[in-house]
Amino acid sequence: MKIAIGSDHAGFRYKELLKLALTQRGHEVLDCGTFSEVAVDYPLFIRPVAEAVSVGACERGIVLGGSGNGEAIVANRMRGIRCTLAWNVESARLGRAHNDSNVLSLGQRMVLESELPAILDAWLETPFDGGRHKRRIELIDTTP
């Protein structure tokens, strides 16, 4: 799978860890930055991730910051993006199963490093349940 990833300075360390984990799992990674812990404005690095997923250049995206909140907001402004903010395995799993999440937002200050692999695997491997959830996703995309 081709996965776009981007962070601000507060999520940079986890971005680098996730890039390695993704490539080790056989995924292709498009790194949209940032490339250091120097302070930056997060929308400049999050929007390209969401755009890559929105236009189909990447199948999924991961965005990171201090809390993940602003990053999820930016990503969800793009048409067709369903970015879920995950803080544990269950929230990542439900984001996929119920919401067909195509972008994952994580907060480096909110998630323990030791939990990253399990959260990543839950989000990557959980299929969308469809059914009543599909109808709700369709409402998201058609409601003004």
N, C-alpha and C. Protein backbone atom coordinates (compact mmCIF):
# COMPACT_ATOMS: atom_id res chain seq x y z
N MET A 1 0.84 -1.17 0.00
CA MET A 1 0.00 0.00 0.00
C MET A 1 0.90 1.24 0.00
N LYS A 2 0.47 2.28 -0.69
CA LYS A 2 1.20 3.55 -0.68
C LYS A 2 0.55 4.46 0.35
N ILE A 3 1.37 4.93 1.30
CA ILE A 3 0.86 5.70 2.42
C ILE A 3 1.62 7.02 2.52
N ALA A 4 0.88 8.14 2.51
CA ALA A 4 1.49 9.46 2.72
C ALA A 4 1.59 9.70 4.22
N ILE A 5 2.63 10.39 4.64
CA ILE A 5 2.81 10.69 6.06
C ILE A 5 3.36 12.10 6.20
N GLY A 6 2.88 12.80 7.21
CA GLY A 6 3.36 14.16 7.46
C GLY A 6 3.15 14.54 8.91
N SER A 7 3.98 15.47 9.37
CA SER A 7 3.88 15.91 10.76
C SER A 7 4.36 17.34 10.89
N ASP A 8 4.07 17.91 12.03
CA ASP A 8 4.73 19.15 12.41
C ASP A 8 5.93 18.76 13.27
N HIS A 9 6.58 19.75 13.86
CA HIS A 9 7.75 19.50 14.69
C HIS A 9 7.43 18.63 15.92
N ALA A 10 6.22 18.78 16.46
CA ALA A 10 5.85 18.05 17.67
C ALA A 10 5.54 16.58 17.41
N GLY A 11 5.37 16.20 16.16
CA GLY A 11 5.12 14.81 15.81
C GLY A 11 6.25 14.18 15.01
N PHE A 12 7.32 14.94 14.82
CA PHE A 12 8.41 14.51 13.94
C PHE A 12 9.03 13.17 14.36
N ARG A 13 9.30 13.01 15.63
CA ARG A 13 9.98 11.77 16.08
C ARG A 13 9.12 10.55 15.79
N TYR A 14 7.82 10.63 16.07
CA TYR A 14 6.93 9.50 15.79
C TYR A 14 6.78 9.29 14.29
N LYS A 15 6.81 10.36 13.52
CA LYS A 15 6.73 10.22 12.05
C LYS A 15 7.89 9.37 11.56
N GLU A 16 9.05 9.65 12.04
CA GLU A 16 10.23 8.89 11.61
C GLU A 16 10.13 7.42 12.04
N LEU A 17 9.63 7.17 13.24
CA LEU A 17 9.44 5.79 13.69
C LEU A 17 8.41 5.06 12.83
N LEU A 18 7.31 5.75 12.50
CA LEU A 18 6.27 5.12 11.70
C LEU A 18 6.72 4.89 10.26
N LYS A 19 7.52 5.78 9.72
CA LYS A 19 8.06 5.55 8.36
C LYS A 19 8.83 4.24 8.32
N LEU A 20 9.67 4.04 9.30
CA LEU A 20 10.45 2.80 9.38
C LEU A 20 9.54 1.60 9.54
N ALA A 21 8.57 1.69 10.42
CA ALA A 21 7.64 0.58 10.64
C ALA A 21 6.85 0.25 9.37
N LEU A 22 6.43 1.27 8.65
CA LEU A 22 5.67 1.06 7.42
C LEU A 22 6.51 0.38 6.35
N THR A 23 7.74 0.84 6.16
CA THR A 23 8.59 0.22 5.14
C THR A 23 8.94 -1.21 5.53
N GLN A 24 9.12 -1.46 6.82
CA GLN A 24 9.39 -2.82 7.28
C GLN A 24 8.20 -3.74 7.04
N ARG A 25 7.01 -3.18 6.97
CA ARG A 25 5.80 -3.96 6.70
C ARG A 25 5.51 -4.04 5.20
N GLY A 26 6.41 -3.50 4.39
CA GLY A 26 6.29 -3.61 2.94
C GLY A 26 5.51 -2.51 2.26
N HIS A 27 5.22 -1.43 2.96
CA HIS A 27 4.47 -0.33 2.38
C HIS A 27 5.41 0.69 1.75
N GLU A 28 4.91 1.40 0.75
CA GLU A 28 5.64 2.52 0.15
C GLU A 28 5.20 3.78 0.87
N VAL A 29 6.16 4.63 1.24
CA VAL A 29 5.86 5.82 2.04
C VAL A 29 6.20 7.08 1.26
N LEU A 30 5.25 8.01 1.22
CA LEU A 30 5.47 9.34 0.67
C LEU A 30 5.57 10.28 1.86
N ASP A 31 6.77 10.81 2.12
CA ASP A 31 7.01 11.70 3.25
C ASP A 31 6.76 13.14 2.83
N CYS A 32 5.74 13.75 3.41
CA CYS A 32 5.37 15.14 3.09
C CYS A 32 5.98 16.14 4.07
N GLY A 33 6.89 15.66 4.94
CA GLY A 33 7.57 16.55 5.87
C GLY A 33 6.82 16.63 7.19
N THR A 34 7.28 17.41 8.07
CA THR A 34 8.47 18.20 8.15
C THR A 34 9.67 17.27 8.32
N PHE A 35 10.85 17.85 8.26
CA PHE A 35 12.05 17.03 8.25
C PHE A 35 12.98 17.30 9.43
N SER A 36 12.45 17.93 10.48
CA SER A 36 13.22 18.18 11.69
C SER A 36 12.26 18.57 12.82
N GLU A 37 12.82 18.85 13.99
CA GLU A 37 12.02 19.29 15.11
C GLU A 37 11.97 20.81 15.24
N VAL A 38 12.41 21.52 14.20
CA VAL A 38 12.31 22.98 14.17
C VAL A 38 10.84 23.35 14.01
N ALA A 39 10.38 24.32 14.80
CA ALA A 39 8.96 24.70 14.81
C ALA A 39 8.48 25.11 13.42
N VAL A 40 7.31 24.55 13.03
CA VAL A 40 6.69 24.83 11.75
C VAL A 40 5.18 24.97 11.94
N ASP A 41 4.48 25.43 10.92
CA ASP A 41 3.03 25.51 10.93
C ASP A 41 2.47 24.23 10.34
N TYR A 42 1.76 23.46 11.15
CA TYR A 42 1.33 22.11 10.77
C TYR A 42 0.50 22.02 9.49
N PRO A 43 -0.37 22.98 9.15
CA PRO A 43 -1.15 22.80 7.92
C PRO A 43 -0.29 22.63 6.66
N LEU A 44 0.89 23.22 6.67
CA LEU A 44 1.76 23.14 5.50
C LEU A 44 2.24 21.71 5.22
N PHE A 45 2.22 20.85 6.23
CA PHE A 45 2.70 19.48 6.07
C PHE A 45 1.59 18.44 6.14
N ILE A 46 0.45 18.85 6.67
CA ILE A 46 -0.68 17.94 6.80
C ILE A 46 -1.54 17.96 5.54
N ARG A 47 -1.77 19.15 5.01
CA ARG A 47 -2.61 19.27 3.81
C ARG A 47 -2.09 18.41 2.66
N PRO A 48 -0.77 18.38 2.37
CA PRO A 48 -0.29 17.52 1.28
C PRO A 48 -0.58 16.04 1.49
N VAL A 49 -0.60 15.59 2.72
CA VAL A 49 -0.96 14.19 3.00
C VAL A 49 -2.41 13.95 2.61
N ALA A 50 -3.29 14.82 3.08
CA ALA A 50 -4.72 14.67 2.78
C ALA A 50 -4.98 14.80 1.28
N GLU A 51 -4.28 15.71 0.62
CA GLU A 51 -4.46 15.87 -0.82
C GLU A 51 -4.03 14.60 -1.56
N ALA A 52 -2.92 14.01 -1.15
CA ALA A 52 -2.43 12.79 -1.81
C ALA A 52 -3.46 11.67 -1.71
N VAL A 53 -4.12 11.55 -0.57
CA VAL A 53 -5.15 10.53 -0.40
C VAL A 53 -6.41 10.93 -1.17
N SER A 54 -6.77 12.19 -1.10
CA SER A 54 -7.99 12.67 -1.76
C SER A 54 -7.98 12.45 -3.27
N VAL A 55 -6.82 12.67 -3.90
CA VAL A 55 -6.74 12.52 -5.36
C VAL A 55 -6.35 11.11 -5.79
N GLY A 56 -6.09 10.22 -4.83
CA GLY A 56 -5.78 8.84 -5.15
C GLY A 56 -4.31 8.55 -5.41
N ALA A 57 -3.44 9.51 -5.14
CA ALA A 57 -2.00 9.26 -5.30
C ALA A 57 -1.49 8.30 -4.22
N CYS A 58 -2.16 8.28 -3.08
CA CYS A 58 -1.85 7.35 -1.98
C CYS A 58 -3.17 6.75 -1.51
N GLU A 59 -3.09 5.52 -1.04
CA GLU A 59 -4.29 4.84 -0.56
C GLU A 59 -4.71 5.30 0.83
N ARG A 60 -3.72 5.65 1.65
CA ARG A 60 -4.00 6.11 3.01
C ARG A 60 -2.96 7.15 3.40
N GLY A 61 -3.23 7.80 4.54
CA GLY A 61 -2.31 8.80 5.06
C GLY A 61 -2.24 8.74 6.57
N ILE A 62 -1.13 9.23 7.10
CA ILE A 62 -0.94 9.34 8.54
C ILE A 62 -0.42 10.75 8.82
N VAL A 63 -1.06 11.43 9.77
CA VAL A 63 -0.64 12.77 10.16
C VAL A 63 -0.37 12.80 11.65
N LEU A 64 0.63 13.58 12.04
CA LEU A 64 1.04 13.61 13.43
C LEU A 64 1.34 15.02 13.90
N GLY A 65 1.08 15.24 15.17
CA GLY A 65 1.41 16.50 15.82
C GLY A 65 1.56 16.25 17.31
N GLY A 66 1.46 17.31 18.09
CA GLY A 66 1.54 17.15 19.53
C GLY A 66 0.34 16.41 20.08
N SER A 67 -0.86 16.87 19.70
CA SER A 67 -2.08 16.20 20.16
C SER A 67 -2.77 15.43 19.05
N GLY A 68 -2.54 15.82 17.80
CA GLY A 68 -3.22 15.21 16.66
C GLY A 68 -4.53 15.90 16.32
N ASN A 69 -5.00 16.79 17.18
CA ASN A 69 -6.28 17.46 16.95
C ASN A 69 -6.27 18.37 15.73
N GLY A 70 -5.34 19.32 15.70
CA GLY A 70 -5.27 20.23 14.56
C GLY A 70 -5.01 19.50 13.27
N GLU A 71 -4.20 18.46 13.33
CA GLU A 71 -3.88 17.68 12.14
C GLU A 71 -5.12 17.00 11.59
N ALA A 72 -5.95 16.44 12.46
CA ALA A 72 -7.19 15.80 12.02
C ALA A 72 -8.13 16.82 11.41
N ILE A 73 -8.19 18.01 11.99
CA ILE A 73 -9.05 19.06 11.45
C ILE A 73 -8.63 19.45 10.05
N VAL A 74 -7.34 19.65 9.85
CA VAL A 74 -6.83 20.01 8.51
C VAL A 74 -7.15 18.91 7.52
N ALA A 75 -6.85 17.69 7.87
CA ALA A 75 -7.07 16.57 6.95
C ALA A 75 -8.54 16.44 6.58
N ASN A 76 -9.41 16.59 7.54
CA ASN A 76 -10.84 16.41 7.29
C ASN A 76 -11.47 17.54 6.49
N ARG A 77 -10.73 18.58 6.22
CA ARG A 77 -11.25 19.66 5.35
C ARG A 77 -11.24 19.25 3.88
N MET A 78 -10.49 18.20 3.54
CA MET A 78 -10.38 17.75 2.15
C MET A 78 -11.52 16.79 1.83
N ARG A 79 -12.10 16.97 0.66
CA ARG A 79 -13.20 16.10 0.21
C ARG A 79 -12.73 14.64 0.15
N GLY A 80 -13.55 13.76 0.69
CA GLY A 80 -13.26 12.33 0.63
C GLY A 80 -12.35 11.82 1.73
N ILE A 81 -11.89 12.70 2.59
CA ILE A 81 -11.00 12.27 3.68
C ILE A 81 -11.84 11.97 4.92
N ARG A 82 -11.53 10.85 5.53
CA ARG A 82 -12.13 10.45 6.79
C ARG A 82 -10.97 10.18 7.75
N CYS A 83 -10.54 11.24 8.40
CA CYS A 83 -9.38 11.17 9.30
C CYS A 83 -9.87 10.90 10.71
N THR A 84 -9.35 9.85 11.29
CA THR A 84 -9.70 9.50 12.66
C THR A 84 -8.53 9.83 13.58
N LEU A 85 -8.84 10.43 14.70
CA LEU A 85 -7.86 10.71 15.74
C LEU A 85 -7.83 9.51 16.68
N ALA A 86 -6.71 8.84 16.74
CA ALA A 86 -6.61 7.64 17.58
C ALA A 86 -5.67 7.88 18.75
N TRP A 87 -6.06 7.37 19.90
CA TRP A 87 -5.23 7.48 21.08
C TRP A 87 -4.94 6.11 21.68
N ASN A 88 -5.53 5.06 21.09
CA ASN A 88 -5.24 3.69 21.53
C ASN A 88 -5.66 2.72 20.42
N VAL A 89 -5.45 1.44 20.63
CA VAL A 89 -5.74 0.43 19.62
C VAL A 89 -7.22 0.42 19.26
N GLU A 90 -8.09 0.49 20.26
CA GLU A 90 -9.52 0.41 20.00
C GLU A 90 -10.03 1.58 19.18
N SER A 91 -9.54 2.79 19.45
CA SER A 91 -9.99 3.94 18.66
C SER A 91 -9.50 3.83 17.22
N ALA A 92 -8.32 3.29 17.02
CA ALA A 92 -7.82 3.08 15.65
C ALA A 92 -8.64 1.99 14.94
N ARG A 93 -8.93 0.92 15.64
CA ARG A 93 -9.72 -0.17 15.06
C ARG A 93 -11.12 0.30 14.67
N LEU A 94 -11.76 1.03 15.56
CA LEU A 94 -13.12 1.52 15.27
C LEU A 94 -13.12 2.56 14.16
N GLY A 95 -12.05 3.35 14.07
CA GLY A 95 -11.95 4.31 12.98
C GLY A 95 -11.97 3.63 11.62
N ARG A 96 -11.40 2.47 11.53
CA ARG A 96 -11.43 1.69 10.28
C ARG A 96 -12.75 0.92 10.15
N ALA A 97 -13.13 0.19 11.18
CA ALA A 97 -14.30 -0.69 11.10
C ALA A 97 -15.60 0.07 10.88
N HIS A 98 -15.76 1.19 11.56
CA HIS A 98 -17.02 1.92 11.49
C HIS A 98 -16.98 3.13 10.58
N ASN A 99 -15.81 3.72 10.39
CA ASN A 99 -15.72 4.98 9.65
C ASN A 99 -14.92 4.89 8.36
N ASP A 100 -14.40 3.71 8.04
CA ASP A 100 -13.59 3.52 6.84
C ASP A 100 -12.51 4.60 6.75
N SER A 101 -11.86 4.86 7.87
CA SER A 101 -10.84 5.89 7.96
C SER A 101 -9.75 5.67 6.92
N ASN A 102 -9.44 6.73 6.17
CA ASN A 102 -8.35 6.65 5.20
C ASN A 102 -7.15 7.50 5.62
N VAL A 103 -7.29 8.24 6.70
CA VAL A 103 -6.18 8.99 7.29
C VAL A 103 -6.24 8.80 8.80
N LEU A 104 -5.07 8.56 9.38
CA LEU A 104 -4.93 8.37 10.82
C LEU A 104 -4.19 9.57 11.40
N SER A 105 -4.72 10.14 12.46
CA SER A 105 -4.05 11.24 13.15
C SER A 105 -3.62 10.76 14.53
N LEU A 106 -2.37 11.06 14.87
CA LEU A 106 -1.81 10.66 16.15
C LEU A 106 -1.13 11.84 16.82
N GLY A 107 -1.23 11.90 18.14
CA GLY A 107 -0.55 12.93 18.92
C GLY A 107 0.63 12.34 19.65
N GLN A 108 1.81 12.84 19.34
CA GLN A 108 3.03 12.32 19.97
C GLN A 108 3.00 12.54 21.48
N ARG A 109 2.34 13.58 21.94
CA ARG A 109 2.26 13.85 23.38
C ARG A 109 1.14 13.06 24.07
N MET A 110 0.33 12.36 23.28
CA MET A 110 -0.85 11.67 23.81
C MET A 110 -0.73 10.15 23.79
N VAL A 111 0.16 9.63 22.96
CA VAL A 111 0.27 8.18 22.75
C VAL A 111 1.66 7.73 23.18
N LEU A 112 1.71 6.68 23.97
CA LEU A 112 3.01 6.13 24.36
C LEU A 112 3.70 5.50 23.15
N GLU A 113 4.98 5.70 23.05
CA GLU A 113 5.75 5.13 21.95
C GLU A 113 5.58 3.61 21.88
N SER A 114 5.50 2.97 23.00
CA SER A 114 5.35 1.51 23.04
C SER A 114 4.03 1.05 22.43
N GLU A 115 3.04 1.93 22.36
CA GLU A 115 1.73 1.57 21.80
C GLU A 115 1.63 1.81 20.30
N LEU A 116 2.60 2.53 19.72
CA LEU A 116 2.54 2.86 18.29
C LEU A 116 2.40 1.64 17.39
N PRO A 117 3.21 0.59 17.54
CA PRO A 117 3.08 -0.54 16.62
C PRO A 117 1.69 -1.18 16.63
N ALA A 118 1.10 -1.35 17.80
CA ALA A 118 -0.22 -1.97 17.88
C ALA A 118 -1.29 -1.07 17.30
N ILE A 119 -1.19 0.23 17.53
CA ILE A 119 -2.16 1.17 16.95
C ILE A 119 -2.04 1.16 15.43
N LEU A 120 -0.82 1.20 14.93
CA LEU A 120 -0.59 1.17 13.49
C LEU A 120 -1.15 -0.11 12.88
N ASP A 121 -0.86 -1.24 13.47
CA ASP A 121 -1.34 -2.51 12.93
C ASP A 121 -2.87 -2.59 12.94
N ALA A 122 -3.48 -2.12 14.02
CA ALA A 122 -4.95 -2.14 14.09
C ALA A 122 -5.54 -1.30 12.96
N TRP A 123 -4.97 -0.13 12.72
CA TRP A 123 -5.49 0.75 11.68
C TRP A 123 -5.23 0.21 10.28
N LEU A 124 -4.07 -0.39 10.08
CA LEU A 124 -3.74 -0.94 8.76
C LEU A 124 -4.54 -2.21 8.44
N GLU A 125 -4.78 -3.04 9.42
CA GLU A 125 -5.31 -4.38 9.17
C GLU A 125 -6.83 -4.52 9.36
N THR A 126 -7.46 -3.58 10.04
CA THR A 126 -8.90 -3.70 10.28
C THR A 126 -9.67 -3.37 9.01
N PRO A 127 -10.53 -4.27 8.56
CA PRO A 127 -11.35 -3.96 7.39
C PRO A 127 -12.56 -3.11 7.78
N PHE A 128 -13.11 -2.43 6.81
CA PHE A 128 -14.34 -1.66 6.99
C PHE A 128 -15.50 -2.63 7.10
N ASP A 129 -16.36 -2.45 8.10
CA ASP A 129 -17.50 -3.34 8.32
C ASP A 129 -18.60 -3.19 7.28
N GLY A 130 -18.70 -2.03 6.64
CA GLY A 130 -19.76 -1.80 5.67
C GLY A 130 -21.12 -1.76 6.36
N GLY A 131 -22.15 -2.30 5.69
CA GLY A 131 -23.49 -2.35 6.27
C GLY A 131 -24.00 -0.97 6.64
N ARG A 132 -24.55 -0.86 7.85
CA ARG A 132 -25.11 0.42 8.29
C ARG A 132 -24.06 1.53 8.29
N HIS A 133 -22.79 1.15 8.47
CA HIS A 133 -21.71 2.13 8.49
C HIS A 133 -21.49 2.73 7.09
N LYS A 134 -21.68 1.92 6.06
CA LYS A 134 -21.55 2.41 4.68
C LYS A 134 -22.57 3.50 4.41
N ARG A 135 -23.80 3.28 4.85
CA ARG A 135 -24.86 4.27 4.67
C ARG A 135 -24.48 5.58 5.36
N ARG A 136 -23.89 5.50 6.51
CA ARG A 136 -23.50 6.70 7.26
C ARG A 136 -22.35 7.43 6.57
N ILE A 137 -21.41 6.68 6.02
CA ILE A 137 -20.32 7.30 5.26
C ILE A 137 -20.88 8.03 4.05
N GLU A 138 -21.84 7.42 3.39
CA GLU A 138 -22.47 8.08 2.23
C GLU A 138 -23.15 9.37 2.65
N LEU A 139 -23.75 9.41 3.82
CA LEU A 139 -24.37 10.64 4.32
C LEU A 139 -23.34 11.74 4.55
N ILE A 140 -22.17 11.37 5.03
CA ILE A 140 -21.11 12.35 5.24
C ILE A 140 -20.78 13.03 3.91
N ASP A 141 -20.65 12.23 2.87
CA ASP A 141 -20.23 12.76 1.57
C ASP A 141 -21.33 13.49 0.82
N THR A 142 -22.60 13.28 1.19
CA THR A 142 -23.69 13.92 0.44
C THR A 142 -24.38 15.04 1.21
N THR A 143 -24.17 15.13 2.50
CA THR A 143 -24.80 16.18 3.30
C THR A 143 -24.02 17.48 3.15
N PRO A 144 -24.75 18.58 2.78
CA PRO A 144 -24.05 19.86 2.61
C PRO A 144 -23.49 20.42 3.90
